[in-house]
Amino acid sequence: MRVLAIRGATTVKKNSIEEILNETKILVETIINKNNLDTDDIISMVFTMTSDLDSVYPSVAVRDILNIHDTPLLNFEEKYIQGSLRKCIRVMVNVNSKKTKNDIKHIYLNEARKLRPDIVE
């Protein structure tokens, strides 16, 4: 097994608990499904959000909605850069896997698709 990192990002339309939790749930579920992950293989998840999102931590969606309780989760504020995408939630999921880096599917949803047009399906 090797340790690999899977990146993903999404955006919300407004700074609300419901939107942040729902879009985080969709993002993490999509990462898990597209990469055919077993939750036991997930080592940790690191989330960032832009400074205009402050209603709830995205990790709450992982614990309370997806019911993943045995995985370390961290939340940070994304560094603001002029002209950067706003209302954005990013995640890096660290996993144990037999896959190669080329097998990994990084997931970018909603307006975050603009961040990585080179790898968006």
N, C-alpha and C. Protein backbone atom coordinates (compact mmCIF):
# COMPACT_ATOMS: atom_id res chain seq x y z
N MET A 1 0.84 -1.20 0.00
CA MET A 1 0.00 0.00 0.00
C MET A 1 0.87 1.25 0.00
N ARG A 2 0.38 2.27 -0.63
CA ARG A 2 1.06 3.56 -0.65
C ARG A 2 0.10 4.62 -0.13
N VAL A 3 0.66 5.72 0.29
CA VAL A 3 -0.15 6.86 0.70
C VAL A 3 -0.28 7.79 -0.50
N LEU A 4 -1.52 8.10 -0.86
CA LEU A 4 -1.80 9.00 -1.97
C LEU A 4 -2.73 10.11 -1.49
N ALA A 5 -2.68 11.23 -2.18
CA ALA A 5 -3.56 12.35 -1.86
C ALA A 5 -4.52 12.59 -3.01
N ILE A 6 -5.77 12.81 -2.66
CA ILE A 6 -6.81 13.11 -3.64
C ILE A 6 -7.30 14.53 -3.36
N ARG A 7 -7.30 15.36 -4.39
CA ARG A 7 -7.75 16.74 -4.22
C ARG A 7 -9.16 16.91 -4.76
N GLY A 8 -9.85 17.87 -4.20
CA GLY A 8 -11.17 18.21 -4.69
C GLY A 8 -11.57 19.59 -4.23
N ALA A 9 -12.56 20.14 -4.90
CA ALA A 9 -13.08 21.46 -4.52
C ALA A 9 -14.49 21.62 -5.07
N THR A 10 -15.23 22.48 -4.42
CA THR A 10 -16.57 22.83 -4.85
C THR A 10 -16.86 24.26 -4.41
N THR A 11 -17.98 24.78 -4.84
CA THR A 11 -18.39 26.11 -4.40
C THR A 11 -19.84 26.05 -3.93
N VAL A 12 -20.21 27.06 -3.17
CA VAL A 12 -21.59 27.23 -2.73
C VAL A 12 -22.09 28.56 -3.25
N LYS A 13 -23.41 28.70 -3.32
CA LYS A 13 -23.99 29.96 -3.79
C LYS A 13 -24.10 30.99 -2.67
N LYS A 14 -24.29 30.47 -1.43
CA LYS A 14 -24.39 31.40 -0.30
C LYS A 14 -23.75 30.78 0.94
N ASN A 15 -23.41 31.64 1.86
CA ASN A 15 -22.76 31.25 3.11
C ASN A 15 -23.82 30.80 4.11
N SER A 16 -24.26 29.54 3.94
CA SER A 16 -25.26 29.01 4.88
C SER A 16 -24.82 27.62 5.33
N ILE A 17 -25.28 27.25 6.51
CA ILE A 17 -24.96 25.93 7.05
C ILE A 17 -25.42 24.85 6.07
N GLU A 18 -26.65 24.97 5.59
CA GLU A 18 -27.21 23.95 4.71
C GLU A 18 -26.39 23.78 3.43
N GLU A 19 -26.03 24.89 2.79
CA GLU A 19 -25.28 24.80 1.53
C GLU A 19 -23.88 24.24 1.75
N ILE A 20 -23.20 24.70 2.77
CA ILE A 20 -21.84 24.22 3.02
C ILE A 20 -21.86 22.72 3.33
N LEU A 21 -22.78 22.29 4.18
CA LEU A 21 -22.85 20.87 4.52
C LEU A 21 -23.25 20.02 3.31
N ASN A 22 -24.23 20.46 2.55
CA ASN A 22 -24.68 19.70 1.40
C ASN A 22 -23.60 19.59 0.33
N GLU A 23 -22.96 20.68 -0.02
CA GLU A 23 -21.94 20.64 -1.07
C GLU A 23 -20.70 19.87 -0.61
N THR A 24 -20.36 19.96 0.66
CA THR A 24 -19.24 19.17 1.19
C THR A 24 -19.58 17.69 1.12
N LYS A 25 -20.79 17.33 1.48
CA LYS A 25 -21.24 15.93 1.41
C LYS A 25 -21.12 15.42 -0.02
N ILE A 26 -21.64 16.18 -0.97
CA ILE A 26 -21.58 15.78 -2.37
C ILE A 26 -20.13 15.62 -2.83
N LEU A 27 -19.28 16.56 -2.46
CA LEU A 27 -17.87 16.51 -2.86
C LEU A 27 -17.19 15.27 -2.32
N VAL A 28 -17.32 15.02 -1.03
CA VAL A 28 -16.64 13.87 -0.41
C VAL A 28 -17.23 12.56 -0.93
N GLU A 29 -18.54 12.48 -1.05
CA GLU A 29 -19.16 11.26 -1.61
C GLU A 29 -18.65 10.99 -3.03
N THR A 30 -18.52 12.03 -3.83
CA THR A 30 -18.05 11.87 -5.21
C THR A 30 -16.61 11.39 -5.23
N ILE A 31 -15.77 11.96 -4.36
CA ILE A 31 -14.37 11.50 -4.27
C ILE A 31 -14.33 10.02 -3.90
N ILE A 32 -15.10 9.63 -2.90
CA ILE A 32 -15.12 8.23 -2.45
C ILE A 32 -15.61 7.31 -3.58
N ASN A 33 -16.70 7.69 -4.23
CA ASN A 33 -17.28 6.84 -5.27
C ASN A 33 -16.42 6.76 -6.52
N LYS A 34 -15.95 7.90 -7.01
CA LYS A 34 -15.16 7.91 -8.26
C LYS A 34 -13.81 7.22 -8.09
N ASN A 35 -13.31 7.19 -6.85
CA ASN A 35 -12.02 6.55 -6.59
C ASN A 35 -12.18 5.16 -5.98
N ASN A 36 -13.44 4.72 -5.88
CA ASN A 36 -13.74 3.38 -5.35
C ASN A 36 -13.02 3.14 -4.01
N LEU A 37 -13.21 4.10 -3.09
CA LEU A 37 -12.55 4.03 -1.79
C LEU A 37 -13.40 3.32 -0.77
N ASP A 38 -12.74 2.63 0.11
CA ASP A 38 -13.35 2.12 1.33
C ASP A 38 -13.00 3.14 2.41
N THR A 39 -13.96 3.52 3.24
CA THR A 39 -13.67 4.55 4.23
C THR A 39 -12.54 4.14 5.18
N ASP A 40 -12.28 2.85 5.34
CA ASP A 40 -11.16 2.40 6.17
C ASP A 40 -9.81 2.78 5.57
N ASP A 41 -9.78 3.04 4.27
CA ASP A 41 -8.53 3.42 3.60
C ASP A 41 -8.21 4.90 3.74
N ILE A 42 -9.18 5.68 4.22
CA ILE A 42 -8.97 7.13 4.36
C ILE A 42 -8.16 7.40 5.62
N ILE A 43 -7.01 8.03 5.44
CA ILE A 43 -6.13 8.35 6.57
C ILE A 43 -6.59 9.64 7.25
N SER A 44 -6.83 10.69 6.44
CA SER A 44 -7.24 11.98 6.98
C SER A 44 -7.80 12.85 5.86
N MET A 45 -8.47 13.93 6.27
CA MET A 45 -8.98 14.92 5.32
C MET A 45 -8.64 16.30 5.85
N VAL A 46 -8.15 17.14 4.94
CA VAL A 46 -7.85 18.53 5.28
C VAL A 46 -8.72 19.42 4.40
N PHE A 47 -9.52 20.25 5.03
CA PHE A 47 -10.41 21.17 4.32
C PHE A 47 -9.90 22.60 4.44
N THR A 48 -10.12 23.38 3.38
CA THR A 48 -9.97 24.83 3.47
C THR A 48 -11.25 25.45 2.92
N MET A 49 -11.56 26.63 3.39
CA MET A 49 -12.67 27.42 2.86
C MET A 49 -12.20 28.85 2.70
N THR A 50 -12.76 29.53 1.71
CA THR A 50 -12.45 30.94 1.54
C THR A 50 -13.05 31.73 2.70
N SER A 51 -12.50 32.91 2.94
CA SER A 51 -12.88 33.70 4.13
C SER A 51 -14.33 34.16 4.13
N ASP A 52 -15.00 34.09 2.98
CA ASP A 52 -16.41 34.49 2.93
C ASP A 52 -17.36 33.38 3.37
N LEU A 53 -16.81 32.24 3.77
CA LEU A 53 -17.62 31.14 4.29
C LEU A 53 -17.27 30.92 5.77
N ASP A 54 -18.24 31.16 6.64
CA ASP A 54 -17.97 31.04 8.07
C ASP A 54 -19.17 30.52 8.87
N SER A 55 -20.09 29.84 8.19
CA SER A 55 -21.30 29.36 8.88
C SER A 55 -21.10 28.05 9.61
N VAL A 56 -20.22 27.17 9.07
CA VAL A 56 -20.01 25.85 9.65
C VAL A 56 -18.73 25.27 9.07
N TYR A 57 -18.08 24.40 9.84
CA TYR A 57 -16.91 23.69 9.33
C TYR A 57 -17.36 22.62 8.34
N PRO A 58 -16.65 22.46 7.22
CA PRO A 58 -17.03 21.40 6.28
C PRO A 58 -16.87 19.99 6.87
N SER A 59 -15.99 19.82 7.82
CA SER A 59 -15.81 18.49 8.41
C SER A 59 -17.06 18.00 9.15
N VAL A 60 -17.94 18.91 9.52
CA VAL A 60 -19.19 18.51 10.16
C VAL A 60 -19.99 17.60 9.23
N ALA A 61 -19.95 17.88 7.92
CA ALA A 61 -20.66 17.04 6.96
C ALA A 61 -20.10 15.63 6.95
N VAL A 62 -18.80 15.50 7.09
CA VAL A 62 -18.16 14.17 7.08
C VAL A 62 -18.58 13.38 8.31
N ARG A 63 -18.54 14.03 9.47
CA ARG A 63 -18.89 13.34 10.72
C ARG A 63 -20.39 13.09 10.83
N ASP A 64 -21.18 14.15 10.66
CA ASP A 64 -22.61 14.07 11.00
C ASP A 64 -23.49 13.53 9.87
N ILE A 65 -23.13 13.79 8.62
CA ILE A 65 -23.97 13.35 7.50
C ILE A 65 -23.45 12.05 6.90
N LEU A 66 -22.15 11.98 6.66
CA LEU A 66 -21.56 10.78 6.06
C LEU A 66 -21.21 9.73 7.10
N ASN A 67 -21.29 10.11 8.38
CA ASN A 67 -21.09 9.17 9.49
C ASN A 67 -19.68 8.56 9.50
N ILE A 68 -18.69 9.38 9.17
CA ILE A 68 -17.29 8.94 9.24
C ILE A 68 -16.70 9.57 10.49
N HIS A 69 -16.48 8.74 11.52
CA HIS A 69 -16.07 9.26 12.83
C HIS A 69 -14.64 8.91 13.21
N ASP A 70 -14.01 7.98 12.51
CA ASP A 70 -12.68 7.52 12.93
C ASP A 70 -11.56 8.06 12.04
N THR A 71 -11.82 9.16 11.34
CA THR A 71 -10.85 9.77 10.45
C THR A 71 -10.50 11.16 10.96
N PRO A 72 -9.21 11.48 11.13
CA PRO A 72 -8.83 12.82 11.53
C PRO A 72 -9.22 13.85 10.45
N LEU A 73 -9.81 14.95 10.90
CA LEU A 73 -10.28 16.01 10.00
C LEU A 73 -9.77 17.35 10.49
N LEU A 74 -9.31 18.18 9.56
CA LEU A 74 -8.85 19.54 9.91
C LEU A 74 -9.52 20.54 8.99
N ASN A 75 -9.76 21.74 9.51
CA ASN A 75 -10.36 22.84 8.74
C ASN A 75 -9.47 24.07 8.85
N PHE A 76 -9.24 24.72 7.71
CA PHE A 76 -8.43 25.93 7.68
C PHE A 76 -9.10 26.97 6.79
N GLU A 77 -8.71 28.23 6.97
CA GLU A 77 -9.14 29.28 6.07
C GLU A 77 -8.13 29.37 4.93
N GLU A 78 -8.65 29.41 3.70
CA GLU A 78 -7.81 29.52 2.51
C GLU A 78 -7.19 30.92 2.45
N LYS A 79 -5.95 30.99 2.07
CA LYS A 79 -5.28 32.28 1.88
C LYS A 79 -6.00 33.05 0.79
N TYR A 80 -6.30 34.32 1.05
CA TYR A 80 -6.96 35.15 0.04
C TYR A 80 -5.94 35.67 -0.96
N ILE A 81 -6.23 35.49 -2.23
CA ILE A 81 -5.44 36.03 -3.32
C ILE A 81 -6.39 36.85 -4.18
N GLN A 82 -6.01 38.05 -4.56
CA GLN A 82 -6.86 38.90 -5.38
C GLN A 82 -7.32 38.14 -6.63
N GLY A 83 -8.61 38.21 -6.89
CA GLY A 83 -9.17 37.58 -8.07
C GLY A 83 -9.42 36.08 -7.93
N SER A 84 -9.15 35.54 -6.75
CA SER A 84 -9.35 34.09 -6.56
C SER A 84 -10.84 33.75 -6.46
N LEU A 85 -11.14 32.49 -6.68
CA LEU A 85 -12.51 32.00 -6.62
C LEU A 85 -13.05 32.16 -5.20
N ARG A 86 -14.24 32.69 -5.08
CA ARG A 86 -14.87 32.91 -3.78
C ARG A 86 -15.88 31.80 -3.48
N LYS A 87 -16.30 31.73 -2.23
CA LYS A 87 -17.26 30.73 -1.73
C LYS A 87 -16.84 29.32 -2.13
N CYS A 88 -15.56 29.05 -1.90
CA CYS A 88 -14.96 27.79 -2.34
C CYS A 88 -14.53 26.94 -1.15
N ILE A 89 -14.84 25.66 -1.23
CA ILE A 89 -14.43 24.65 -0.25
C ILE A 89 -13.47 23.71 -0.96
N ARG A 90 -12.28 23.52 -0.39
CA ARG A 90 -11.30 22.60 -0.97
C ARG A 90 -11.02 21.48 0.04
N VAL A 91 -10.62 20.33 -0.48
CA VAL A 91 -10.27 19.21 0.40
C VAL A 91 -9.08 18.46 -0.19
N MET A 92 -8.27 17.92 0.71
CA MET A 92 -7.23 16.96 0.35
C MET A 92 -7.48 15.73 1.21
N VAL A 93 -7.75 14.62 0.53
CA VAL A 93 -8.03 13.35 1.21
C VAL A 93 -6.79 12.48 1.08
N ASN A 94 -6.21 12.09 2.19
CA ASN A 94 -5.05 11.22 2.20
C ASN A 94 -5.53 9.79 2.40
N VAL A 95 -5.07 8.89 1.51
CA VAL A 95 -5.56 7.51 1.53
C VAL A 95 -4.43 6.49 1.42
N ASN A 96 -4.68 5.31 1.97
CA ASN A 96 -3.85 4.15 1.71
C ASN A 96 -4.43 3.49 0.47
N SER A 97 -3.57 3.15 -0.51
CA SER A 97 -4.10 2.59 -1.74
C SER A 97 -3.06 1.76 -2.47
N LYS A 98 -3.54 0.84 -3.26
CA LYS A 98 -2.67 0.08 -4.16
C LYS A 98 -2.61 0.75 -5.54
N LYS A 99 -3.36 1.82 -5.71
CA LYS A 99 -3.42 2.54 -6.98
C LYS A 99 -2.14 3.35 -7.21
N THR A 100 -1.98 3.81 -8.44
CA THR A 100 -0.90 4.74 -8.76
C THR A 100 -1.49 6.15 -8.80
N LYS A 101 -0.63 7.15 -8.87
CA LYS A 101 -1.11 8.52 -8.96
C LYS A 101 -1.99 8.72 -10.19
N ASN A 102 -1.66 8.05 -11.28
CA ASN A 102 -2.45 8.18 -12.51
C ASN A 102 -3.85 7.60 -12.40
N ASP A 103 -4.06 6.71 -11.45
CA ASP A 103 -5.38 6.11 -11.25
C ASP A 103 -6.33 7.01 -10.45
N ILE A 104 -5.78 7.98 -9.76
CA ILE A 104 -6.57 8.84 -8.87
C ILE A 104 -7.42 9.82 -9.69
N LYS A 105 -8.66 10.00 -9.24
CA LYS A 105 -9.56 10.96 -9.87
C LYS A 105 -9.79 12.12 -8.90
N HIS A 106 -9.21 13.26 -9.23
CA HIS A 106 -9.43 14.47 -8.45
C HIS A 106 -10.77 15.06 -8.89
N ILE A 107 -11.52 15.60 -7.95
CA ILE A 107 -12.90 16.01 -8.22
C ILE A 107 -13.08 17.51 -8.00
N TYR A 108 -13.56 18.18 -9.04
CA TYR A 108 -13.85 19.60 -8.98
C TYR A 108 -15.28 19.82 -9.46
N LEU A 109 -16.11 20.39 -8.60
CA LEU A 109 -17.54 20.55 -8.87
C LEU A 109 -17.93 22.02 -8.90
N ASN A 110 -19.08 22.28 -9.48
CA ASN A 110 -19.66 23.63 -9.54
C ASN A 110 -18.65 24.62 -10.14
N GLU A 111 -18.56 25.80 -9.58
CA GLU A 111 -17.63 26.82 -10.11
C GLU A 111 -16.17 26.43 -9.92
N ALA A 112 -15.90 25.49 -9.02
CA ALA A 112 -14.51 25.06 -8.78
C ALA A 112 -13.94 24.32 -9.98
N ARG A 113 -14.79 23.92 -10.92
CA ARG A 113 -14.30 23.28 -12.15
C ARG A 113 -13.31 24.19 -12.87
N LYS A 114 -13.44 25.49 -12.68
CA LYS A 114 -12.53 26.46 -13.30
C LYS A 114 -11.10 26.35 -12.77
N LEU A 115 -10.97 25.81 -11.56
CA LEU A 115 -9.64 25.71 -10.95
C LEU A 115 -8.74 24.73 -11.67
N ARG A 116 -9.30 23.64 -12.17
CA ARG A 116 -8.51 22.58 -12.82
C ARG A 116 -9.20 22.08 -14.09
N PRO A 117 -9.35 22.92 -15.09
CA PRO A 117 -10.02 22.48 -16.32
C PRO A 117 -9.28 21.35 -17.03
N ASP A 118 -8.00 21.20 -16.69
CA ASP A 118 -7.19 20.14 -17.31
C ASP A 118 -7.55 18.75 -16.84
N ILE A 119 -8.23 18.63 -15.68
CA ILE A 119 -8.56 17.30 -15.18
C ILE A 119 -10.04 17.09 -14.91
N VAL A 120 -10.86 18.07 -15.19
CA VAL A 120 -12.31 17.93 -14.94
C VAL A 120 -12.89 17.02 -16.01
N GLU A 121 -13.71 16.07 -15.56
CA GLU A 121 -14.37 15.14 -16.50
C GLU A 121 -15.50 15.81 -17.22
